[in-house]
Amino acid sequence: MKGLLLKDFYMTVKYCRTYLLIGIVFIAVSFAGADSQNMFFVFYPCLLCGMIPVNLLAYDERSRWLEYSGTLPYTKAQLVSAKYLVGVIVQGVMLLAVGIAQAVRMNLAGSFRLGEYGMMMALIFAMATITSSISLPFMFRWGVEKGRIAYYCMIGFVCAAGYLGSVFFTESRKVTAAGSLVPWAMILLGTAIYAASWLVSIALYQKREVA
């Protein structure tokens, strides 16, 4: 498993660094000018990172790595798990960066409220985990080409989720208290969907014949 993660790390650095750079740019823009009425730049970096596992799987298929991996001592469950773990890592790192930037920005502006901050971070987490959960099962079962519709749907979801997340946060911040259970419910929902997608992908990939 360590070797699979290392391979995907190198691929992320080489092929997906644009996603990371765009995420950094969006964080910088959100730090400089985002407000409660324009939170798209806050939500988008983590949503974008949710697409990295899908792109790694596409590169694997294009280079025929999936066929080659059959000669190595890895199970299909491990191959699937590597992509989901990469998703957890890259989204976790980006979420941490966004969280630090927004905490600093809110403190400098004198608008930091724990309830609002918790709601924002929980909403970003939930949407980011759901993003990659949508298309990965389809692609592990039918491949990237046949699963391309799911990929396009995910791109649309990312754009829509960024906007809807901004609207939802703007409205919810008016009623969210520090002790609200809503952020925790969002975290549990995102975690549950990601875990379910993980298990479904393993089950579907077990049935797939890689030729």
N, C-alpha and C. Protein backbone atom coordinates (compact mmCIF):
# COMPACT_ATOMS: atom_id res chain seq x y z
N MET A 1 0.82 -1.20 0.00
CA MET A 1 0.00 0.00 0.00
C MET A 1 0.86 1.26 0.00
N LYS A 2 1.97 1.21 0.73
CA LYS A 2 2.87 2.36 0.77
C LYS A 2 3.41 2.68 -0.62
N GLY A 3 3.73 1.63 -1.40
CA GLY A 3 4.22 1.83 -2.76
C GLY A 3 3.16 2.46 -3.65
N LEU A 4 1.90 2.05 -3.49
CA LEU A 4 0.82 2.62 -4.29
C LEU A 4 0.62 4.10 -3.97
N LEU A 5 0.67 4.42 -2.70
CA LEU A 5 0.51 5.81 -2.29
C LEU A 5 1.67 6.68 -2.79
N LEU A 6 2.87 6.10 -2.76
CA LEU A 6 4.03 6.84 -3.25
C LEU A 6 3.92 7.09 -4.74
N LYS A 7 3.46 6.08 -5.49
CA LYS A 7 3.26 6.24 -6.94
C LYS A 7 2.24 7.36 -7.22
N ASP A 8 1.13 7.33 -6.50
CA ASP A 8 0.10 8.34 -6.71
C ASP A 8 0.57 9.72 -6.28
N PHE A 9 1.43 9.78 -5.26
CA PHE A 9 1.99 11.07 -4.85
C PHE A 9 2.84 11.66 -5.97
N TYR A 10 3.70 10.83 -6.57
CA TYR A 10 4.53 11.31 -7.67
C TYR A 10 3.68 11.74 -8.86
N MET A 11 2.61 10.99 -9.12
CA MET A 11 1.72 11.34 -10.24
C MET A 11 0.98 12.65 -9.95
N THR A 12 0.59 12.84 -8.70
CA THR A 12 -0.10 14.07 -8.33
C THR A 12 0.80 15.28 -8.53
N VAL A 13 2.05 15.14 -8.12
CA VAL A 13 3.00 16.24 -8.27
C VAL A 13 3.25 16.55 -9.74
N LYS A 14 3.32 15.51 -10.57
CA LYS A 14 3.66 15.71 -11.98
C LYS A 14 2.46 16.12 -12.83
N TYR A 15 1.32 15.46 -12.61
CA TYR A 15 0.19 15.66 -13.52
C TYR A 15 -0.93 16.54 -12.94
N CYS A 16 -1.02 16.63 -11.63
CA CYS A 16 -2.14 17.35 -11.02
C CYS A 16 -1.71 18.58 -10.24
N ARG A 17 -0.47 19.00 -10.43
CA ARG A 17 -0.01 20.16 -9.66
C ARG A 17 -0.77 21.43 -10.05
N THR A 18 -1.33 21.44 -11.27
CA THR A 18 -2.11 22.60 -11.68
C THR A 18 -3.31 22.79 -10.76
N TYR A 19 -3.93 21.66 -10.38
CA TYR A 19 -5.08 21.74 -9.46
C TYR A 19 -4.65 22.37 -8.14
N LEU A 20 -3.49 21.95 -7.65
CA LEU A 20 -2.99 22.47 -6.37
C LEU A 20 -2.66 23.95 -6.48
N LEU A 21 -2.05 24.34 -7.61
CA LEU A 21 -1.70 25.75 -7.80
C LEU A 21 -2.96 26.62 -7.90
N ILE A 22 -3.96 26.11 -8.62
CA ILE A 22 -5.23 26.85 -8.72
C ILE A 22 -5.86 26.99 -7.34
N GLY A 23 -5.78 25.91 -6.56
CA GLY A 23 -6.31 25.96 -5.20
C GLY A 23 -5.63 27.03 -4.36
N ILE A 24 -4.30 27.13 -4.49
CA ILE A 24 -3.55 28.14 -3.74
C ILE A 24 -3.95 29.55 -4.18
N VAL A 25 -4.12 29.73 -5.50
CA VAL A 25 -4.54 31.03 -6.01
C VAL A 25 -5.91 31.41 -5.46
N PHE A 26 -6.83 30.46 -5.43
CA PHE A 26 -8.17 30.73 -4.93
C PHE A 26 -8.13 31.06 -3.44
N ILE A 27 -7.26 30.38 -2.69
CA ILE A 27 -7.13 30.68 -1.26
C ILE A 27 -6.63 32.10 -1.07
N ALA A 28 -5.65 32.49 -1.90
CA ALA A 28 -5.12 33.85 -1.81
C ALA A 28 -6.19 34.88 -2.14
N VAL A 29 -6.98 34.60 -3.18
CA VAL A 29 -8.05 35.53 -3.56
C VAL A 29 -9.10 35.62 -2.46
N SER A 30 -9.46 34.47 -1.89
CA SER A 30 -10.47 34.47 -0.83
C SER A 30 -9.96 35.20 0.40
N PHE A 31 -8.68 35.08 0.67
CA PHE A 31 -8.09 35.78 1.81
C PHE A 31 -8.11 37.29 1.60
N ALA A 32 -7.91 37.68 0.36
CA ALA A 32 -7.82 39.12 0.08
C ALA A 32 -9.17 39.80 -0.04
N GLY A 33 -10.16 39.05 -0.58
CA GLY A 33 -11.39 39.79 -0.86
C GLY A 33 -12.70 39.09 -0.64
N ALA A 34 -12.69 37.79 -0.22
CA ALA A 34 -13.97 37.10 -0.06
C ALA A 34 -14.73 37.65 1.13
N ASP A 35 -16.03 37.74 1.01
CA ASP A 35 -16.86 38.14 2.14
C ASP A 35 -18.06 37.21 2.23
N SER A 36 -18.95 37.50 3.11
CA SER A 36 -20.09 36.60 3.34
C SER A 36 -21.00 36.50 2.13
N GLN A 37 -20.90 37.44 1.20
CA GLN A 37 -21.74 37.39 0.02
C GLN A 37 -21.04 36.72 -1.17
N ASN A 38 -19.77 36.43 -1.04
CA ASN A 38 -19.02 35.85 -2.16
C ASN A 38 -18.02 34.84 -1.63
N MET A 39 -18.53 33.63 -1.33
CA MET A 39 -17.71 32.60 -0.70
C MET A 39 -17.26 31.53 -1.68
N PHE A 40 -17.52 31.74 -2.97
CA PHE A 40 -17.17 30.73 -3.97
C PHE A 40 -15.68 30.39 -3.92
N PHE A 41 -14.84 31.41 -3.78
CA PHE A 41 -13.39 31.19 -3.77
C PHE A 41 -12.94 30.43 -2.53
N VAL A 42 -13.75 30.45 -1.48
CA VAL A 42 -13.42 29.72 -0.26
C VAL A 42 -13.72 28.23 -0.44
N PHE A 43 -14.83 27.93 -1.08
CA PHE A 43 -15.27 26.54 -1.22
C PHE A 43 -14.55 25.80 -2.35
N TYR A 44 -14.18 26.51 -3.39
CA TYR A 44 -13.72 25.85 -4.61
C TYR A 44 -12.42 25.05 -4.47
N PRO A 45 -11.39 25.50 -3.72
CA PRO A 45 -10.13 24.73 -3.67
C PRO A 45 -10.31 23.28 -3.24
N CYS A 46 -11.08 23.04 -2.18
CA CYS A 46 -11.28 21.66 -1.71
C CYS A 46 -12.13 20.86 -2.68
N LEU A 47 -13.10 21.51 -3.30
CA LEU A 47 -13.90 20.82 -4.31
C LEU A 47 -13.02 20.41 -5.49
N LEU A 48 -12.12 21.28 -5.88
CA LEU A 48 -11.21 20.99 -6.99
C LEU A 48 -10.31 19.80 -6.65
N CYS A 49 -9.81 19.74 -5.43
CA CYS A 49 -8.95 18.63 -5.03
C CYS A 49 -9.70 17.31 -5.02
N GLY A 50 -11.01 17.38 -4.89
CA GLY A 50 -11.80 16.15 -4.94
C GLY A 50 -11.75 15.48 -6.30
N MET A 51 -11.30 16.20 -7.33
CA MET A 51 -11.21 15.65 -8.68
C MET A 51 -9.87 14.96 -8.93
N ILE A 52 -8.90 15.15 -8.04
CA ILE A 52 -7.57 14.58 -8.27
C ILE A 52 -7.58 13.05 -8.33
N PRO A 53 -8.26 12.31 -7.42
CA PRO A 53 -8.28 10.85 -7.54
C PRO A 53 -8.84 10.36 -8.87
N VAL A 54 -9.85 11.06 -9.38
CA VAL A 54 -10.44 10.69 -10.66
C VAL A 54 -9.43 10.86 -11.79
N ASN A 55 -8.68 11.95 -11.76
CA ASN A 55 -7.67 12.19 -12.79
C ASN A 55 -6.52 11.19 -12.69
N LEU A 56 -6.14 10.81 -11.48
CA LEU A 56 -5.10 9.80 -11.31
C LEU A 56 -5.55 8.47 -11.89
N LEU A 57 -6.81 8.13 -11.67
CA LEU A 57 -7.34 6.88 -12.23
C LEU A 57 -7.34 6.94 -13.75
N ALA A 58 -7.64 8.10 -14.31
CA ALA A 58 -7.62 8.26 -15.77
C ALA A 58 -6.22 8.06 -16.32
N TYR A 59 -5.21 8.60 -15.64
CA TYR A 59 -3.82 8.41 -16.08
C TYR A 59 -3.40 6.95 -15.95
N ASP A 60 -3.85 6.29 -14.90
CA ASP A 60 -3.55 4.87 -14.72
C ASP A 60 -4.09 4.05 -15.88
N GLU A 61 -5.31 4.36 -16.27
CA GLU A 61 -5.95 3.60 -17.34
C GLU A 61 -5.28 3.90 -18.68
N ARG A 62 -4.93 5.14 -18.90
CA ARG A 62 -4.30 5.53 -20.16
C ARG A 62 -2.93 4.88 -20.33
N SER A 63 -2.19 4.74 -19.23
CA SER A 63 -0.85 4.16 -19.29
C SER A 63 -0.88 2.64 -19.14
N ARG A 64 -2.09 2.07 -19.02
CA ARG A 64 -2.30 0.63 -18.87
C ARG A 64 -1.68 0.11 -17.56
N TRP A 65 -1.65 0.98 -16.57
CA TRP A 65 -1.15 0.58 -15.25
C TRP A 65 -2.05 -0.48 -14.62
N LEU A 66 -3.37 -0.38 -14.87
CA LEU A 66 -4.30 -1.31 -14.26
C LEU A 66 -4.00 -2.75 -14.68
N GLU A 67 -3.63 -2.93 -15.96
CA GLU A 67 -3.27 -4.26 -16.42
C GLU A 67 -1.94 -4.70 -15.80
N TYR A 68 -0.98 -3.80 -15.75
CA TYR A 68 0.33 -4.12 -15.19
C TYR A 68 0.25 -4.45 -13.70
N SER A 69 -0.64 -3.76 -12.99
CA SER A 69 -0.75 -3.97 -11.55
C SER A 69 -1.19 -5.39 -11.21
N GLY A 70 -1.79 -6.09 -12.21
CA GLY A 70 -2.20 -7.46 -11.97
C GLY A 70 -1.02 -8.40 -11.77
N THR A 71 0.17 -7.98 -12.19
CA THR A 71 1.37 -8.81 -12.00
C THR A 71 2.06 -8.51 -10.67
N LEU A 72 1.55 -7.52 -9.95
CA LEU A 72 2.17 -7.11 -8.69
C LEU A 72 1.35 -7.64 -7.50
N PRO A 73 1.97 -7.74 -6.34
CA PRO A 73 1.28 -8.30 -5.17
C PRO A 73 0.32 -7.31 -4.51
N TYR A 74 -0.58 -6.75 -5.32
CA TYR A 74 -1.59 -5.85 -4.77
C TYR A 74 -2.97 -6.41 -5.08
N THR A 75 -3.86 -6.30 -4.13
CA THR A 75 -5.24 -6.71 -4.35
C THR A 75 -6.02 -5.56 -4.98
N LYS A 76 -7.16 -5.87 -5.56
CA LYS A 76 -8.00 -4.83 -6.14
C LYS A 76 -8.49 -3.87 -5.06
N ALA A 77 -8.72 -4.41 -3.88
CA ALA A 77 -9.16 -3.55 -2.77
C ALA A 77 -8.08 -2.52 -2.44
N GLN A 78 -6.82 -2.91 -2.49
CA GLN A 78 -5.73 -1.99 -2.21
C GLN A 78 -5.60 -0.93 -3.30
N LEU A 79 -5.80 -1.33 -4.56
CA LEU A 79 -5.72 -0.38 -5.66
C LEU A 79 -6.80 0.70 -5.53
N VAL A 80 -8.00 0.27 -5.14
CA VAL A 80 -9.08 1.22 -4.94
C VAL A 80 -8.80 2.10 -3.72
N SER A 81 -8.37 1.48 -2.65
CA SER A 81 -8.14 2.21 -1.40
C SER A 81 -7.07 3.28 -1.56
N ALA A 82 -6.07 3.02 -2.40
CA ALA A 82 -5.00 4.01 -2.62
C ALA A 82 -5.58 5.31 -3.15
N LYS A 83 -6.52 5.22 -4.10
CA LYS A 83 -7.11 6.43 -4.67
C LYS A 83 -7.94 7.19 -3.62
N TYR A 84 -8.68 6.45 -2.82
CA TYR A 84 -9.49 7.11 -1.79
C TYR A 84 -8.62 7.73 -0.70
N LEU A 85 -7.51 7.08 -0.37
CA LEU A 85 -6.61 7.65 0.63
C LEU A 85 -5.93 8.90 0.10
N VAL A 86 -5.58 8.90 -1.18
CA VAL A 86 -5.02 10.10 -1.80
C VAL A 86 -6.03 11.24 -1.71
N GLY A 87 -7.29 10.91 -1.97
CA GLY A 87 -8.34 11.91 -1.86
C GLY A 87 -8.43 12.49 -0.46
N VAL A 88 -8.35 11.62 0.54
CA VAL A 88 -8.39 12.08 1.93
C VAL A 88 -7.22 13.00 2.23
N ILE A 89 -6.03 12.63 1.77
CA ILE A 89 -4.82 13.40 2.06
C ILE A 89 -4.85 14.78 1.40
N VAL A 90 -5.10 14.81 0.08
CA VAL A 90 -5.05 16.10 -0.63
C VAL A 90 -6.17 17.02 -0.18
N GLN A 91 -7.35 16.46 0.06
CA GLN A 91 -8.45 17.30 0.52
C GLN A 91 -8.22 17.76 1.96
N GLY A 92 -7.61 16.90 2.77
CA GLY A 92 -7.31 17.27 4.15
C GLY A 92 -6.30 18.40 4.21
N VAL A 93 -5.25 18.31 3.38
CA VAL A 93 -4.24 19.36 3.35
C VAL A 93 -4.84 20.68 2.87
N MET A 94 -5.65 20.60 1.81
CA MET A 94 -6.27 21.82 1.28
C MET A 94 -7.27 22.40 2.28
N LEU A 95 -8.02 21.53 2.95
CA LEU A 95 -8.98 22.00 3.94
C LEU A 95 -8.26 22.71 5.09
N LEU A 96 -7.11 22.17 5.50
CA LEU A 96 -6.33 22.80 6.55
C LEU A 96 -5.84 24.18 6.11
N ALA A 97 -5.35 24.26 4.86
CA ALA A 97 -4.87 25.54 4.34
C ALA A 97 -6.00 26.56 4.27
N VAL A 98 -7.16 26.13 3.79
CA VAL A 98 -8.32 27.03 3.71
C VAL A 98 -8.74 27.46 5.11
N GLY A 99 -8.76 26.52 6.05
CA GLY A 99 -9.18 26.83 7.40
C GLY A 99 -8.28 27.85 8.07
N ILE A 100 -6.97 27.68 7.91
CA ILE A 100 -6.02 28.64 8.50
C ILE A 100 -6.19 30.01 7.87
N ALA A 101 -6.28 30.06 6.53
CA ALA A 101 -6.42 31.34 5.83
C ALA A 101 -7.68 32.07 6.25
N GLN A 102 -8.78 31.34 6.36
CA GLN A 102 -10.04 31.99 6.72
C GLN A 102 -10.09 32.40 8.18
N ALA A 103 -9.46 31.62 9.06
CA ALA A 103 -9.40 31.99 10.47
C ALA A 103 -8.62 33.29 10.64
N VAL A 104 -7.50 33.41 9.92
CA VAL A 104 -6.69 34.63 9.98
C VAL A 104 -7.47 35.80 9.40
N ARG A 105 -8.10 35.57 8.25
CA ARG A 105 -8.86 36.65 7.60
C ARG A 105 -9.99 37.15 8.49
N MET A 106 -10.74 36.23 9.08
CA MET A 106 -11.87 36.61 9.92
C MET A 106 -11.41 37.34 11.18
N ASN A 107 -10.28 36.90 11.73
CA ASN A 107 -9.74 37.58 12.92
C ASN A 107 -9.27 38.99 12.58
N LEU A 108 -8.61 39.14 11.45
CA LEU A 108 -8.13 40.47 11.04
C LEU A 108 -9.30 41.42 10.78
N ALA A 109 -10.39 40.85 10.26
CA ALA A 109 -11.57 41.67 9.97
C ALA A 109 -12.44 41.88 11.20
N GLY A 110 -12.11 41.18 12.30
CA GLY A 110 -12.90 41.29 13.51
C GLY A 110 -14.25 40.63 13.41
N SER A 111 -14.38 39.65 12.50
CA SER A 111 -15.68 39.01 12.28
C SER A 111 -15.68 37.53 12.64
N PHE A 112 -14.64 37.08 13.36
CA PHE A 112 -14.55 35.66 13.68
C PHE A 112 -15.60 35.27 14.70
N ARG A 113 -16.42 34.30 14.33
CA ARG A 113 -17.39 33.71 15.24
C ARG A 113 -17.28 32.20 15.09
N LEU A 114 -17.11 31.53 16.20
CA LEU A 114 -16.83 30.10 16.17
C LEU A 114 -17.92 29.32 15.44
N GLY A 115 -19.19 29.70 15.69
CA GLY A 115 -20.29 28.98 15.05
C GLY A 115 -20.26 29.11 13.54
N GLU A 116 -20.04 30.32 13.05
CA GLU A 116 -19.99 30.55 11.60
C GLU A 116 -18.78 29.85 10.98
N TYR A 117 -17.66 29.94 11.68
CA TYR A 117 -16.44 29.30 11.18
C TYR A 117 -16.62 27.78 11.11
N GLY A 118 -17.20 27.20 12.15
CA GLY A 118 -17.44 25.75 12.16
C GLY A 118 -18.39 25.33 11.06
N MET A 119 -19.44 26.13 10.83
CA MET A 119 -20.38 25.82 9.76
C MET A 119 -19.69 25.85 8.41
N MET A 120 -18.87 26.86 8.17
CA MET A 120 -18.18 26.98 6.89
C MET A 120 -17.26 25.79 6.65
N MET A 121 -16.45 25.42 7.64
CA MET A 121 -15.50 24.32 7.48
C MET A 121 -16.22 22.99 7.31
N ALA A 122 -17.31 22.79 8.05
CA ALA A 122 -18.07 21.55 7.93
C ALA A 122 -18.72 21.44 6.55
N LEU A 123 -19.21 22.56 6.04
CA LEU A 123 -19.84 22.57 4.72
C LEU A 123 -18.82 22.28 3.63
N ILE A 124 -17.63 22.88 3.75
CA ILE A 124 -16.57 22.60 2.78
C ILE A 124 -16.18 21.13 2.82
N PHE A 125 -16.03 20.59 4.01
CA PHE A 125 -15.66 19.18 4.16
C PHE A 125 -16.70 18.27 3.52
N ALA A 126 -17.97 18.52 3.80
CA ALA A 126 -19.04 17.66 3.28
C ALA A 126 -19.07 17.69 1.76
N MET A 127 -18.99 18.88 1.17
CA MET A 127 -19.06 19.00 -0.29
C MET A 127 -17.82 18.40 -0.95
N ALA A 128 -16.66 18.56 -0.33
CA ALA A 128 -15.42 18.03 -0.91
C ALA A 128 -15.44 16.50 -0.94
N THR A 129 -15.91 15.89 0.13
CA THR A 129 -15.95 14.43 0.17
C THR A 129 -16.99 13.88 -0.80
N ILE A 130 -18.11 14.57 -0.92
CA ILE A 130 -19.16 14.11 -1.83
C ILE A 130 -18.71 14.21 -3.28
N THR A 131 -17.89 15.21 -3.58
CA THR A 131 -17.45 15.44 -4.96
C THR A 131 -16.81 14.21 -5.57
N SER A 132 -15.77 13.68 -4.91
CA SER A 132 -15.09 12.51 -5.47
C SER A 132 -15.88 11.23 -5.27
N SER A 133 -16.84 11.25 -4.36
CA SER A 133 -17.64 10.05 -4.12
C SER A 133 -18.60 9.77 -5.26
N ILE A 134 -18.92 10.79 -6.04
CA ILE A 134 -19.93 10.63 -7.09
C ILE A 134 -19.46 9.74 -8.23
N SER A 135 -18.29 10.05 -8.78
CA SER A 135 -17.89 9.39 -10.03
C SER A 135 -16.94 8.21 -9.87
N LEU A 136 -16.21 8.12 -8.77
CA LEU A 136 -15.24 7.03 -8.63
C LEU A 136 -15.84 5.63 -8.75
N PRO A 137 -16.99 5.35 -8.13
CA PRO A 137 -17.56 4.01 -8.30
C PRO A 137 -17.85 3.67 -9.76
N PHE A 138 -18.38 4.63 -10.52
CA PHE A 138 -18.67 4.40 -11.94
C PHE A 138 -17.39 4.08 -12.71
N MET A 139 -16.33 4.83 -12.43
CA MET A 139 -15.08 4.66 -13.17
C MET A 139 -14.35 3.38 -12.80
N PHE A 140 -14.43 2.98 -11.55
CA PHE A 140 -13.82 1.71 -11.16
C PHE A 140 -14.57 0.52 -11.76
N ARG A 141 -15.84 0.69 -12.01
CA ARG A 141 -16.63 -0.42 -12.57
C ARG A 141 -16.53 -0.48 -14.09
N TRP A 142 -16.65 0.67 -14.76
CA TRP A 142 -16.74 0.66 -16.22
C TRP A 142 -15.56 1.33 -16.90
N GLY A 143 -14.64 1.88 -16.16
CA GLY A 143 -13.50 2.55 -16.77
C GLY A 143 -13.76 4.02 -17.01
N VAL A 144 -12.70 4.74 -17.31
CA VAL A 144 -12.80 6.18 -17.44
C VAL A 144 -13.62 6.59 -18.66
N GLU A 145 -13.44 5.90 -19.77
CA GLU A 145 -14.15 6.28 -20.99
C GLU A 145 -15.66 6.11 -20.82
N LYS A 146 -16.08 4.94 -20.35
CA LYS A 146 -17.51 4.70 -20.16
C LYS A 146 -18.06 5.49 -18.99
N GLY A 147 -17.20 5.81 -18.05
CA GLY A 147 -17.65 6.57 -16.89
C GLY A 147 -17.49 8.07 -17.06
N ARG A 148 -17.21 8.49 -18.29
CA ARG A 148 -16.95 9.91 -18.54
C ARG A 148 -18.17 10.78 -18.24
N ILE A 149 -19.37 10.23 -18.44
CA ILE A 149 -20.57 11.00 -18.15
C ILE A 149 -20.60 11.36 -16.66
N ALA A 150 -20.24 10.38 -15.83
CA ALA A 150 -20.19 10.65 -14.39
C ALA A 150 -19.14 11.71 -14.08
N TYR A 151 -18.04 11.69 -14.83
CA TYR A 151 -16.98 12.68 -14.64
C TYR A 151 -17.48 14.08 -14.97
N TYR A 152 -18.19 14.21 -16.10
CA TYR A 152 -18.73 15.51 -16.47
C TYR A 152 -19.78 15.97 -15.46
N CYS A 153 -20.55 15.01 -14.96
CA CYS A 153 -21.54 15.36 -13.93
C CYS A 153 -20.83 15.88 -12.68
N MET A 154 -19.67 15.28 -12.37
CA MET A 154 -18.93 15.72 -11.21
C MET A 154 -18.41 17.14 -11.39
N ILE A 155 -17.94 17.46 -12.61
CA ILE A 155 -17.46 18.81 -12.88
C ILE A 155 -18.61 19.81 -12.69
N GLY A 156 -19.77 19.45 -13.21
CA GLY A 156 -20.94 20.31 -13.02
C GLY A 156 -21.30 20.44 -11.55
N PHE A 157 -21.15 19.33 -10.82
CA PHE A 157 -21.46 19.36 -9.39
C PHE A 157 -20.50 20.28 -8.65
N VAL A 158 -19.23 20.22 -9.03
CA VAL A 158 -18.23 21.07 -8.38
C VAL A 158 -18.59 22.54 -8.54
N CYS A 159 -18.91 22.94 -9.76
CA CYS A 159 -19.25 24.35 -10.01
C CYS A 159 -20.53 24.74 -9.28
N ALA A 160 -21.54 23.86 -9.36
CA ALA A 160 -22.80 24.16 -8.70
C ALA A 160 -22.65 24.16 -7.18
N ALA A 161 -21.86 23.21 -6.67
CA ALA A 161 -21.69 23.11 -5.22
C ALA A 161 -20.98 24.33 -4.66
N GLY A 162 -20.01 24.85 -5.42
CA GLY A 162 -19.31 26.05 -4.97
C GLY A 162 -20.27 27.22 -4.81
N TYR A 163 -21.17 27.37 -5.77
CA TYR A 163 -22.14 28.47 -5.71
C TYR A 163 -23.18 28.22 -4.62
N LEU A 164 -23.75 27.00 -4.60
CA LEU A 164 -24.78 26.69 -3.62
C LEU A 164 -24.23 26.73 -2.20
N GLY A 165 -22.96 26.29 -2.04
CA GLY A 165 -22.34 26.34 -0.73
C GLY A 165 -22.23 27.77 -0.24
N SER A 166 -21.88 28.66 -1.15
CA SER A 166 -21.78 30.08 -0.80
C SER A 166 -23.13 30.63 -0.36
N VAL A 167 -24.18 30.29 -1.12
CA VAL A 167 -25.53 30.76 -0.77
C VAL A 167 -25.99 30.17 0.55
N PHE A 168 -25.76 28.85 0.71
CA PHE A 168 -26.21 28.18 1.93
C PHE A 168 -25.51 28.74 3.15
N PHE A 169 -24.20 28.98 3.02
CA PHE A 169 -23.45 29.52 4.15
C PHE A 169 -23.93 30.93 4.51
N THR A 170 -24.21 31.72 3.49
CA THR A 170 -24.68 33.09 3.72
C THR A 170 -25.97 33.09 4.53
N GLU A 171 -26.86 32.13 4.21
CA GLU A 171 -28.13 32.06 4.93
C GLU A 171 -27.97 31.42 6.30
N SER A 172 -27.20 30.35 6.37
CA SER A 172 -27.10 29.59 7.62
C SER A 172 -26.32 30.34 8.69
N ARG A 173 -25.42 31.22 8.28
CA ARG A 173 -24.61 31.96 9.25
C ARG A 173 -25.48 32.87 10.13
N LYS A 174 -26.68 33.17 9.66
CA LYS A 174 -27.56 34.04 10.42
C LYS A 174 -28.19 33.32 11.61
N VAL A 175 -28.25 31.98 11.53
CA VAL A 175 -28.96 31.24 12.57
C VAL A 175 -28.07 30.23 13.27
N THR A 176 -26.82 30.09 12.84
CA THR A 176 -25.95 29.08 13.41
C THR A 176 -25.32 29.57 14.71
N ALA A 177 -25.42 28.79 15.73
CA ALA A 177 -24.80 29.09 17.02
C ALA A 177 -23.61 28.19 17.20
N ALA A 178 -22.74 28.57 18.13
CA ALA A 178 -21.51 27.80 18.33
C ALA A 178 -21.80 26.37 18.73
N GLY A 179 -22.93 26.15 19.42
CA GLY A 179 -23.23 24.80 19.89
C GLY A 179 -24.12 24.01 18.94
N SER A 180 -24.36 24.51 17.75
CA SER A 180 -25.25 23.85 16.81
C SER A 180 -24.73 22.48 16.42
N LEU A 181 -25.65 21.55 16.21
CA LEU A 181 -25.29 20.20 15.78
C LEU A 181 -25.19 20.08 14.27
N VAL A 182 -25.60 21.13 13.56
CA VAL A 182 -25.61 21.08 12.09
C VAL A 182 -24.22 20.81 11.51
N PRO A 183 -23.16 21.51 11.95
CA PRO A 183 -21.82 21.21 11.40
C PRO A 183 -21.40 19.77 11.62
N TRP A 184 -21.69 19.23 12.79
CA TRP A 184 -21.33 17.83 13.06
C TRP A 184 -22.13 16.88 12.18
N ALA A 185 -23.39 17.23 11.92
CA ALA A 185 -24.21 16.39 11.04
C ALA A 185 -23.64 16.40 9.62
N MET A 186 -23.15 17.56 9.17
CA MET A 186 -22.55 17.65 7.84
C MET A 186 -21.27 16.82 7.76
N ILE A 187 -20.46 16.88 8.80
CA ILE A 187 -19.22 16.10 8.82
C ILE A 187 -19.53 14.61 8.78
N LEU A 188 -20.50 14.19 9.56
CA LEU A 188 -20.89 12.77 9.57
C LEU A 188 -21.46 12.35 8.22
N LEU A 189 -22.25 13.23 7.61
CA LEU A 189 -22.84 12.92 6.30
C LEU A 189 -21.75 12.76 5.25
N GLY A 190 -20.82 13.72 5.20
CA GLY A 190 -19.74 13.63 4.22
C GLY A 190 -18.88 12.40 4.43
N THR A 191 -18.57 12.08 5.69
CA THR A 191 -17.76 10.90 6.00
C THR A 191 -18.48 9.63 5.60
N ALA A 192 -19.78 9.56 5.90
CA ALA A 192 -20.56 8.36 5.58
C ALA A 192 -20.65 8.13 4.09
N ILE A 193 -20.87 9.21 3.32
CA ILE A 193 -20.98 9.07 1.86
C ILE A 193 -19.64 8.65 1.26
N TYR A 194 -18.56 9.22 1.77
CA TYR A 194 -17.23 8.86 1.25
C TYR A 194 -16.91 7.41 1.57
N ALA A 195 -17.21 6.97 2.78
CA ALA A 195 -16.95 5.58 3.17
C ALA A 195 -17.81 4.61 2.35
N ALA A 196 -19.07 4.98 2.14
CA ALA A 196 -19.96 4.13 1.34
C ALA A 196 -19.46 4.03 -0.10
N SER A 197 -19.02 5.16 -0.66
CA SER A 197 -18.48 5.17 -2.02
C SER A 197 -17.23 4.29 -2.10
N TRP A 198 -16.40 4.36 -1.09
CA TRP A 198 -15.18 3.55 -1.00
C TRP A 198 -15.51 2.06 -1.07
N LEU A 199 -16.46 1.63 -0.24
CA LEU A 199 -16.84 0.22 -0.19
C LEU A 199 -17.51 -0.22 -1.50
N VAL A 200 -18.34 0.65 -2.07
CA VAL A 200 -19.01 0.32 -3.33
C VAL A 200 -17.98 0.18 -4.45
N SER A 201 -16.98 1.07 -4.48
CA SER A 201 -15.94 1.01 -5.51
C SER A 201 -15.15 -0.29 -5.42
N ILE A 202 -14.84 -0.71 -4.19
CA ILE A 202 -14.11 -1.98 -4.02
C ILE A 202 -14.94 -3.13 -4.55
N ALA A 203 -16.23 -3.15 -4.19
CA ALA A 203 -17.12 -4.24 -4.63
C ALA A 203 -17.26 -4.26 -6.16
N LEU A 204 -17.40 -3.09 -6.77
CA LEU A 204 -17.57 -3.02 -8.22
C LEU A 204 -16.28 -3.38 -8.96
N TYR A 205 -15.13 -2.93 -8.42
CA TYR A 205 -13.86 -3.21 -9.10
C TYR A 205 -13.50 -4.69 -9.00
N GLN A 206 -13.96 -5.33 -7.95
CA GLN A 206 -13.73 -6.78 -7.82
C GLN A 206 -14.41 -7.54 -8.97
N LYS A 207 -15.51 -7.00 -9.46
CA LYS A 207 -16.25 -7.67 -10.54
C LYS A 207 -15.73 -7.32 -11.93
N ARG A 208 -14.86 -6.33 -12.00
CA ARG A 208 -14.39 -5.86 -13.30
C ARG A 208 -13.23 -6.71 -13.81
N GLU A 209 -13.31 -7.08 -15.05
CA GLU A 209 -12.23 -7.80 -15.71
C GLU A 209 -11.33 -6.81 -16.43
N VAL A 210 -10.10 -6.63 -15.94
CA VAL A 210 -9.15 -5.70 -16.53
C VAL A 210 -8.33 -6.44 -17.56
N ALA A 211 -8.50 -6.07 -18.84
CA ALA A 211 -7.80 -6.78 -19.90
C ALA A 211 -6.71 -5.89 -20.50
